[in-house]
Protein backbone atom coordinates (compact mmCIF):
# COMPACT_ATOMS: atom_id res chain seq x y z
CA MET A 1 -2.55 -26.01 28.62
CA LYS A 2 -1.86 -27.44 25.23
CA THR A 3 -4.31 -25.95 22.77
CA ASN A 4 -4.72 -22.55 21.29
CA LYS A 5 -8.16 -22.40 22.79
CA ASP A 6 -6.71 -23.14 26.30
CA TYR A 7 -4.19 -20.20 26.10
CA ILE A 8 -6.74 -17.79 24.57
CA GLU A 9 -9.31 -18.54 27.47
CA PHE A 10 -6.39 -18.12 30.02
CA THR A 11 -5.37 -14.70 28.25
CA ASP A 12 -8.93 -13.67 28.52
CA ARG A 13 -9.09 -14.29 32.24
CA PHE A 14 -6.36 -11.63 32.84
CA SER A 15 -5.85 -9.34 29.84
CA ALA A 16 -7.67 -6.27 29.09
CA GLN A 17 -9.77 -6.80 25.98
CA ASN A 18 -8.09 -3.97 23.94
CA TYR A 19 -7.26 -6.08 20.88
CA HIS A 20 -9.24 -8.74 18.63
CA PRO A 21 -6.49 -10.96 17.45
CA LEU A 22 -6.90 -13.94 15.31
CA PRO A 23 -7.48 -17.14 17.17
CA VAL A 24 -3.94 -18.49 17.27
CA VAL A 25 -1.29 -18.64 19.88
CA LEU A 26 2.26 -18.35 18.67
CA THR A 27 5.08 -19.98 20.55
CA ARG A 28 8.17 -19.95 18.25
CA GLY A 29 9.43 -18.00 15.13
CA LYS A 30 12.22 -18.29 12.63
CA GLY A 31 12.70 -16.14 9.39
CA VAL A 32 9.31 -15.90 7.88
CA TRP A 33 7.88 -18.85 9.81
CA VAL A 34 6.03 -19.10 13.02
CA TRP A 35 4.53 -22.14 14.94
CA ASP A 36 1.69 -22.17 17.39
CA VAL A 37 1.47 -24.01 20.56
CA GLU A 38 -0.14 -27.05 18.82
CA GLY A 39 2.72 -27.36 16.43
CA LYS A 40 1.21 -25.90 13.18
CA LYS A 41 3.33 -23.90 11.01
CA TYR A 42 2.38 -20.59 9.51
CA LEU A 43 3.78 -18.06 7.04
CA ASP A 44 3.96 -14.72 8.70
CA MET A 45 2.41 -12.21 6.38
CA LEU A 46 2.13 -9.38 8.78
CA SER A 47 5.65 -9.33 10.42
CA GLY A 48 4.49 -7.48 13.72
CA TYR A 49 3.07 -4.56 11.70
CA SER A 50 6.56 -4.21 9.93
CA ALA A 51 8.55 -4.51 13.14
CA LEU A 52 10.04 -7.77 11.90
CA ASN A 53 11.52 -6.64 8.57
CA GLN A 54 14.56 -8.64 9.20
CA GLY A 55 12.44 -11.77 9.88
CA HIS A 56 11.95 -13.58 13.37
CA CYS A 57 14.78 -13.90 15.70
CA HIS A 58 17.52 -12.97 13.31
CA PRO A 59 20.68 -14.60 14.51
CA ARG A 60 22.82 -11.37 13.92
CA ILE A 61 20.47 -9.37 16.15
CA ALA A 62 20.02 -12.03 18.62
CA ARG A 63 23.71 -12.37 19.11
CA ALA A 64 24.28 -8.63 19.61
CA MET A 65 21.40 -8.52 22.11
CA ASN A 66 22.91 -11.63 24.12
CA GLU A 67 26.32 -10.09 24.06
CA GLN A 68 25.22 -6.74 25.32
CA ALA A 69 22.79 -8.17 28.01
CA LYS A 70 25.68 -9.77 29.74
CA ARG A 71 27.57 -6.58 29.82
CA LEU A 72 25.28 -3.73 30.54
CA THR A 73 21.44 -3.05 29.74
CA LEU A 74 20.67 0.35 31.38
CA THR A 75 22.34 3.47 32.69
CA SER A 76 19.49 5.78 32.32
CA ARG A 77 20.44 9.30 30.67
CA ALA A 78 21.84 10.45 34.21
CA PHE A 79 25.15 8.87 32.81
CA HIS A 80 26.68 8.21 29.45
CA ASN A 81 27.05 4.71 27.88
CA ASP A 82 29.30 3.59 25.28
CA THR A 83 26.80 2.20 22.76
CA MET A 84 24.27 5.00 22.22
CA ALA A 85 26.74 7.37 20.30
CA PRO A 86 27.65 4.75 17.69
CA PHE A 87 23.95 3.88 17.36
CA LEU A 88 22.94 7.53 16.81
CA GLU A 89 25.85 7.89 14.36
CA LYS A 90 24.52 5.00 12.38
CA ILE A 91 21.14 6.41 12.19
CA CYS A 92 22.44 9.86 11.06
CA THR A 93 24.71 8.26 8.50
CA LEU A 94 21.88 6.38 6.94
CA THR A 95 19.37 9.26 7.04
CA GLY A 96 21.68 12.10 6.29
CA PHE A 97 20.60 14.07 9.13
CA GLU A 98 22.89 15.58 11.78
CA LYS A 99 21.28 14.72 14.98
CA ALA A 100 18.99 11.76 16.35
CA LEU A 101 17.00 11.50 19.63
CA PRO A 102 16.36 7.95 20.70
CA MET A 103 13.15 6.90 22.51
CA ASN A 104 11.32 3.38 22.84
CA ALA A 105 7.86 2.93 21.35
CA GLY A 106 6.91 4.65 18.10
CA ALA A 107 4.32 6.76 19.84
CA GLU A 108 7.05 8.30 22.07
CA ALA A 109 8.91 9.26 19.00
CA VAL A 110 5.87 10.99 17.55
CA GLU A 111 5.36 12.69 20.82
CA THR A 112 8.99 13.80 20.76
CA ALA A 113 8.61 15.14 17.02
CA ILE A 114 5.59 17.17 18.10
CA LYS A 115 7.44 18.73 21.21
CA VAL A 116 10.54 19.52 18.80
CA ALA A 117 8.40 21.04 16.15
CA ARG A 118 6.44 23.24 18.67
CA LYS A 119 9.62 24.42 20.40
CA TRP A 120 11.15 25.10 16.97
CA GLY A 121 8.15 27.27 16.23
CA TYR A 122 8.35 29.23 19.41
CA THR A 123 12.33 29.77 19.35
CA LYS A 124 13.11 29.72 15.73
CA LYS A 125 9.99 30.91 13.97
CA LYS A 126 8.99 33.19 16.81
CA ILE A 127 5.33 32.55 16.85
CA LYS A 128 3.35 33.68 19.88
CA ASP A 129 3.66 31.27 22.99
CA ASN A 130 0.99 28.56 23.19
CA THR A 131 -0.43 29.10 19.73
CA ALA A 132 1.38 26.47 17.68
CA GLU A 133 -0.52 24.31 15.26
CA ILE A 134 0.32 21.16 13.53
CA ILE A 135 -1.38 20.16 10.54
CA VAL A 136 -2.17 16.24 10.25
CA CYS A 137 -4.38 14.20 7.86
CA GLU A 138 -7.71 12.32 8.00
CA ASN A 139 -7.22 8.52 8.57
CA ASN A 140 -3.95 9.00 10.07
CA PHE A 141 -2.34 6.56 12.59
CA HIS A 142 0.50 7.98 14.65
CA GLY A 143 0.07 6.02 17.90
CA ARG A 144 -2.25 5.63 20.90
CA THR A 145 -1.31 8.44 23.45
CA THR A 146 -3.95 10.80 24.52
CA THR A 147 -2.38 13.63 22.42
CA VAL A 148 -2.22 11.47 19.31
CA VAL A 149 -5.84 9.98 19.33
CA GLY A 150 -6.84 13.50 19.94
CA PHE A 151 -6.12 14.28 16.25
CA SER A 152 -7.26 10.99 14.83
CA SER A 153 -10.37 11.09 12.62
CA GLU A 154 -11.27 7.53 13.82
CA ALA A 155 -14.18 7.77 16.21
CA GLN A 156 -13.45 4.79 18.35
CA TYR A 157 -9.80 5.96 18.92
CA ARG A 158 -11.22 9.12 20.46
CA ALA A 159 -14.36 7.94 22.16
CA GLY A 160 -14.14 8.14 26.07
CA PHE A 161 -10.65 9.58 26.18
CA GLY A 162 -11.24 13.36 26.02
CA PRO A 163 -10.56 16.15 26.44
CA PHE A 164 -7.80 16.30 24.07
CA THR A 165 -4.73 18.30 23.33
CA PRO A 166 -5.51 21.46 21.19
CA GLY A 167 -3.31 22.76 18.43
CA PHE A 168 -3.88 20.27 15.59
CA LYS A 169 -5.79 20.83 12.41
CA ILE A 170 -7.01 17.90 10.35
CA ILE A 171 -7.14 17.90 6.53
CA PRO A 172 -7.75 15.23 3.87
CA TYR A 173 -4.86 12.99 2.85
CA ASP A 174 -3.39 13.27 -0.53
CA ASP A 175 -4.84 16.78 -0.91
CA THR A 176 -2.08 19.59 -1.28
CA HIS A 177 -4.65 22.14 -2.09
CA ALA A 178 -6.09 21.40 1.60
CA LEU A 179 -2.63 21.67 2.94
CA GLU A 180 -1.95 25.11 1.28
CA LYS A 181 -5.25 26.37 2.69
CA ALA A 182 -4.67 25.17 6.16
CA VAL A 183 -1.49 26.90 6.77
CA ASN A 184 -1.63 30.04 8.78
CA LYS A 185 0.81 32.31 10.80
CA ASN A 186 0.75 29.71 13.74
CA THR A 187 1.43 26.63 11.62
CA VAL A 188 4.81 25.10 12.74
CA ALA A 189 4.58 21.74 10.99
CA PHE A 190 2.70 19.16 8.71
CA MET A 191 3.01 15.59 9.92
CA VAL A 192 2.28 12.84 7.52
CA GLU A 193 2.76 9.25 6.74
CA PRO A 194 4.10 8.56 3.19
CA ILE A 195 1.67 5.64 2.89
CA GLN A 196 -1.27 5.33 5.40
CA GLY A 197 -0.61 1.75 6.67
CA GLU A 198 -3.17 1.35 9.48
CA GLY A 199 -5.60 3.46 7.33
CA GLY A 200 -5.85 0.74 4.73
CA VAL A 201 -2.55 0.92 2.84
CA ILE A 202 -3.55 4.11 1.20
CA VAL A 203 -0.85 5.24 -1.39
CA PRO A 204 -0.95 8.99 -2.45
CA HIS A 205 -0.52 10.21 -5.91
CA ASP A 206 2.96 10.39 -7.42
CA GLY A 207 4.50 13.87 -6.51
CA TYR A 208 2.34 14.33 -3.36
CA LEU A 209 5.26 14.45 -1.01
CA ARG A 210 7.25 16.56 -3.34
CA GLN A 211 4.41 19.18 -3.40
CA CYS A 212 4.14 19.08 0.33
CA ARG A 213 7.85 19.56 0.68
CA ASP A 214 7.55 22.71 -1.55
CA ILE A 215 4.51 23.98 0.28
CA CYS A 216 6.26 23.51 3.68
CA ARG A 217 9.42 25.28 2.51
CA ARG A 218 7.51 28.20 1.05
CA HIS A 219 5.62 28.65 4.39
CA ASN A 220 8.73 28.09 6.68
CA ILE A 221 6.89 25.12 8.43
CA LEU A 222 8.48 21.69 9.13
CA LEU A 223 7.72 18.73 6.99
CA VAL A 224 7.46 15.68 9.65
CA LEU A 225 7.28 12.28 7.97
CA ASP A 226 6.22 9.52 10.09
CA GLU A 227 8.08 6.53 8.59
CA ILE A 228 7.58 4.06 11.56
CA GLN A 229 5.83 1.55 9.44
CA THR A 230 6.97 2.59 5.89
CA GLY A 231 10.70 3.01 6.67
CA LEU A 232 13.62 0.72 6.88
CA GLY A 233 13.14 -0.91 3.54
CA ARG A 234 9.49 -1.84 3.80
CA THR A 235 8.40 -0.01 0.68
CA GLY A 236 11.21 -0.94 -1.56
CA ARG A 237 13.52 2.08 -0.53
CA LEU A 238 15.16 2.56 2.73
CA PHE A 239 12.58 5.34 3.33
CA ALA A 240 9.47 5.78 1.35
CA TYR A 241 10.17 9.50 0.94
CA GLU A 242 13.05 8.62 -1.39
CA TYR A 243 10.60 7.74 -4.12
CA GLU A 244 9.89 11.41 -4.37
CA ASP A 245 13.60 12.42 -4.09
CA ILE A 246 12.97 14.67 -1.25
CA ARG A 247 14.07 15.21 2.36
CA PRO A 248 11.80 15.77 5.36
CA ASP A 249 12.83 18.12 8.13
CA ILE A 250 11.99 15.62 10.89
CA LEU A 251 12.08 11.91 10.33
CA ILE A 252 10.17 9.38 12.76
CA ILE A 253 11.39 5.82 12.83
CA GLY A 254 10.73 2.77 14.83
CA LYS A 255 9.35 -0.81 14.67
CA ALA A 256 12.00 -2.51 12.50
CA LEU A 257 14.79 -0.23 14.05
CA SER A 258 15.08 -3.18 16.51
CA GLY A 259 14.05 -6.09 14.32
CA GLY A 260 11.32 -7.00 16.81
CA PHE A 261 13.61 -7.70 19.56
CA TYR A 262 12.99 -4.58 21.67
CA PRO A 263 10.91 -1.29 21.47
CA VAL A 264 13.43 1.22 19.93
CA SER A 265 12.36 4.31 18.24
CA ALA A 266 13.95 7.68 17.12
CA ILE A 267 13.72 11.12 15.61
CA ALA A 268 16.29 12.46 13.26
CA CYS A 269 16.77 16.04 12.11
CA ASP A 270 19.49 18.65 11.54
CA ASP A 271 21.14 20.51 14.47
CA ALA A 272 19.18 23.80 13.40
CA ILE A 273 16.01 22.07 14.59
CA MET A 274 17.33 19.64 17.18
CA SER A 275 19.19 22.38 19.09
CA VAL A 276 16.04 23.67 20.46
CA ILE A 277 15.86 20.82 22.96
CA LYS A 278 17.81 21.55 26.05
CA PRO A 279 18.73 19.56 29.04
CA GLY A 280 15.64 18.97 30.99
CA ASP A 281 13.27 19.66 28.09
CA HIS A 282 12.66 15.97 27.19
CA GLY A 283 13.81 12.59 28.20
CA SER A 284 13.28 8.78 28.61
CA THR A 285 14.73 6.57 31.31
CA PHE A 286 15.08 3.74 28.65
CA GLY A 287 15.75 5.75 25.60
CA GLY A 288 19.13 5.09 24.02
CA ASN A 289 19.93 2.49 26.71
CA PRO A 290 22.94 0.25 25.84
CA LEU A 291 20.82 -2.82 25.13
CA ALA A 292 18.55 -0.97 22.82
CA SER A 293 21.47 0.76 21.05
CA ARG A 294 23.32 -2.61 20.29
CA ILE A 295 20.09 -4.16 18.99
CA GLY A 296 19.46 -1.05 16.86
CA MET A 297 22.94 -1.14 15.40
CA ALA A 298 22.65 -4.80 14.44
CA ALA A 299 19.15 -4.31 13.09
CA LEU A 300 20.22 -1.44 10.80
CA ASP A 301 23.18 -3.41 9.59
CA VAL A 302 21.03 -6.38 8.59
CA ILE A 303 18.73 -4.16 6.59
CA VAL A 304 21.66 -2.59 4.80
CA GLU A 305 24.02 -5.52 4.29
CA GLU A 306 21.25 -7.96 3.40
CA ASN A 307 19.90 -5.30 0.81
CA LEU A 308 16.38 -5.78 2.25
CA ALA A 309 15.09 -2.68 0.60
CA ARG A 310 15.92 -3.86 -2.82
CA ARG A 311 14.62 -7.29 -2.05
CA ALA A 312 11.46 -5.66 -0.88
CA PHE A 313 11.14 -3.74 -4.19
CA GLU A 314 11.72 -6.71 -6.37
CA THR A 315 9.63 -9.34 -4.54
CA GLY A 316 7.03 -6.72 -3.83
CA GLU A 317 6.51 -5.69 -7.46
CA TRP A 318 6.02 -9.40 -8.43
CA PHE A 319 3.70 -10.28 -5.64
CA MET A 320 1.43 -7.25 -6.21
CA ALA A 321 1.32 -8.16 -9.85
CA GLU A 322 0.36 -11.63 -9.07
CA LEU A 323 -2.46 -10.58 -6.58
CA ARG A 324 -3.84 -8.37 -9.30
CA LYS A 325 -4.22 -11.36 -11.52
CA ILE A 326 -6.94 -12.75 -9.11
CA ASN A 327 -10.31 -12.50 -10.55
CA ASN A 328 -12.81 -11.81 -8.04
CA PRO A 329 -15.69 -9.30 -8.04
CA ARG A 330 -15.31 -8.85 -4.27
CA ILE A 331 -11.78 -7.29 -4.79
CA CYS A 332 -11.96 -3.49 -5.45
CA GLU A 333 -8.30 -2.81 -5.58
CA VAL A 334 -4.79 -4.09 -4.91
CA ARG A 335 -2.48 -1.34 -3.77
CA GLY A 336 0.97 -0.70 -2.06
CA LYS A 337 4.65 -0.30 -2.56
CA GLY A 338 7.36 -2.81 -1.87
CA LEU A 339 6.13 -5.28 0.56
CA LEU A 340 3.36 -3.00 2.16
CA ILE A 341 0.33 -4.32 0.13
CA GLY A 342 -3.53 -4.06 0.72
CA ILE A 343 -6.41 -5.82 -0.96
CA GLU A 344 -9.45 -3.86 -0.57
CA LEU A 345 -12.56 -5.82 -0.61
CA ASN A 346 -16.19 -4.78 -0.91
CA GLU A 347 -17.13 -6.71 2.32
CA LYS A 348 -15.54 -7.40 5.76
CA ALA A 349 -12.13 -8.63 5.42
CA ARG A 350 -12.04 -10.50 8.81
CA PRO A 351 -13.44 -13.82 7.63
CA TYR A 352 -10.90 -14.05 4.88
CA CYS A 353 -8.06 -13.50 7.31
CA GLU A 354 -9.50 -16.33 9.29
CA GLU A 355 -9.77 -18.63 6.28
CA LEU A 356 -6.23 -17.70 5.33
CA MET A 357 -5.01 -18.61 8.97
CA ALA A 358 -6.67 -22.07 8.65
CA LEU A 359 -4.65 -22.63 5.56
CA GLY A 360 -1.36 -21.37 7.26
CA VAL A 361 -1.12 -17.73 6.21
CA LEU A 362 -1.16 -15.16 8.96
CA ALA A 363 -2.65 -11.79 7.74
CA LYS A 364 -4.75 -9.23 9.27
CA GLU A 365 -7.59 -6.95 8.42
CA THR A 366 -7.09 -3.13 8.66
CA HIS A 367 -9.89 -0.60 8.43
CA ASP A 368 -12.28 -3.56 8.16
CA MET A 369 -12.33 -3.97 4.45
CA VAL A 370 -8.64 -4.48 3.61
CA VAL A 371 -6.41 -7.55 3.95
CA ARG A 372 -2.96 -6.32 4.52
CA PHE A 373 0.17 -8.27 3.46
CA ALA A 374 3.53 -7.11 4.82
CA PRO A 375 5.78 -10.13 5.40
CA PRO A 376 9.42 -10.06 6.56
CA LEU A 377 11.57 -8.49 3.90
CA VAL A 378 13.62 -11.58 3.84
CA ILE A 379 10.82 -13.65 2.24
CA GLY A 380 11.61 -15.20 -1.15
CA ARG A 381 9.40 -16.05 -4.10
CA LYS A 382 9.14 -19.58 -3.06
CA GLU A 383 7.37 -18.64 0.13
CA LEU A 384 5.23 -16.10 -1.59
CA GLN A 385 4.25 -18.64 -4.25
CA TRP A 386 3.07 -20.81 -1.41
CA ALA A 387 1.06 -18.04 -0.06
CA LEU A 388 -0.41 -17.21 -3.33
CA GLU A 389 -1.76 -20.76 -3.92
CA ARG A 390 -3.64 -20.37 -0.52
CA ILE A 391 -4.70 -16.81 -1.22
CA HIS A 392 -6.24 -17.98 -4.58
CA ARG A 393 -8.01 -20.56 -2.59
CA VAL A 394 -9.67 -18.05 -0.29
CA LEU A 395 -10.12 -14.94 -2.63
CA GLY A 396 -10.14 -16.63 -6.05
CA VAL A 397 -13.35 -17.65 -7.81
């Protein structure tokens, strides 16, 4: 097998058809660049849905992974290991929370936050057993588990997978009046994305999260922020909620927490909330394993020491301004924060992503009509200018 076509046909023979990827087969990556099996070079403008904020194969993270892989990779949580505590300390130091609970994929961290919020409701808020409600938003994307898709408003995510877990109430996004109205005596939490990435890079109005914070505090419910995609520098702050100068009750992180090397996620909150979890209540064989912990520490160090949040802010502001100069009646809006940017079109976005791929720029459509640009945060203006020339060729007039 030598061509993209060969590998795609080979994959189709054995793989479930649960994705519709662009027709390119990648074999190598470095920094902001990737190469396909035919040797063609591409600029990665998706970065693993923001899992690669540090760029492909960052040498510092690779070194930490390789060193730990030679020592110890897994103990399970039946025993202690000597890397998990320093990893959790680093998370707590960066976020300002007292405790962290490590998991693997982002969806697991979301499920963890749901369990913690519900148990907090029963043990601390004293609501009646098995009545807890969590408010979520239309157009949300919190993962693919049966519980999570059960409170999705996307019909395809739900079709054929019921019955679903009860206890969730869906309200419009960016609507604080709807949130206030939805709260009742059984509400334990409001879970929301600071920016809806998968939903089409939807940015709420300024002050939205601050208002949500006030409502949650007033009604004694937990504000749970899913920053799996928006966190760790992506939007130009370490966490997107910092734009509103607030603090959630539970923070969910993942993706770039490992720099793309390994599935690593976590929730962080103060001990008054985390203390509701007792031995046997929740767990993960791989969560907090030595390999994941060493990778996570290195990934966080790279984000902080290379000032990736600041770089995302500066390059993102410039790049978004340049995109808004494109004159094309098919473009409805350019929106985003930092280096999480969407171009909404008045027609299907997939053909434009395919044209960009042919010119060496890898981006992906989301919610059919939006081209999402979310390159590694290590990208510079030179590479973005190179991308802009090709974006103009595809979207310009």
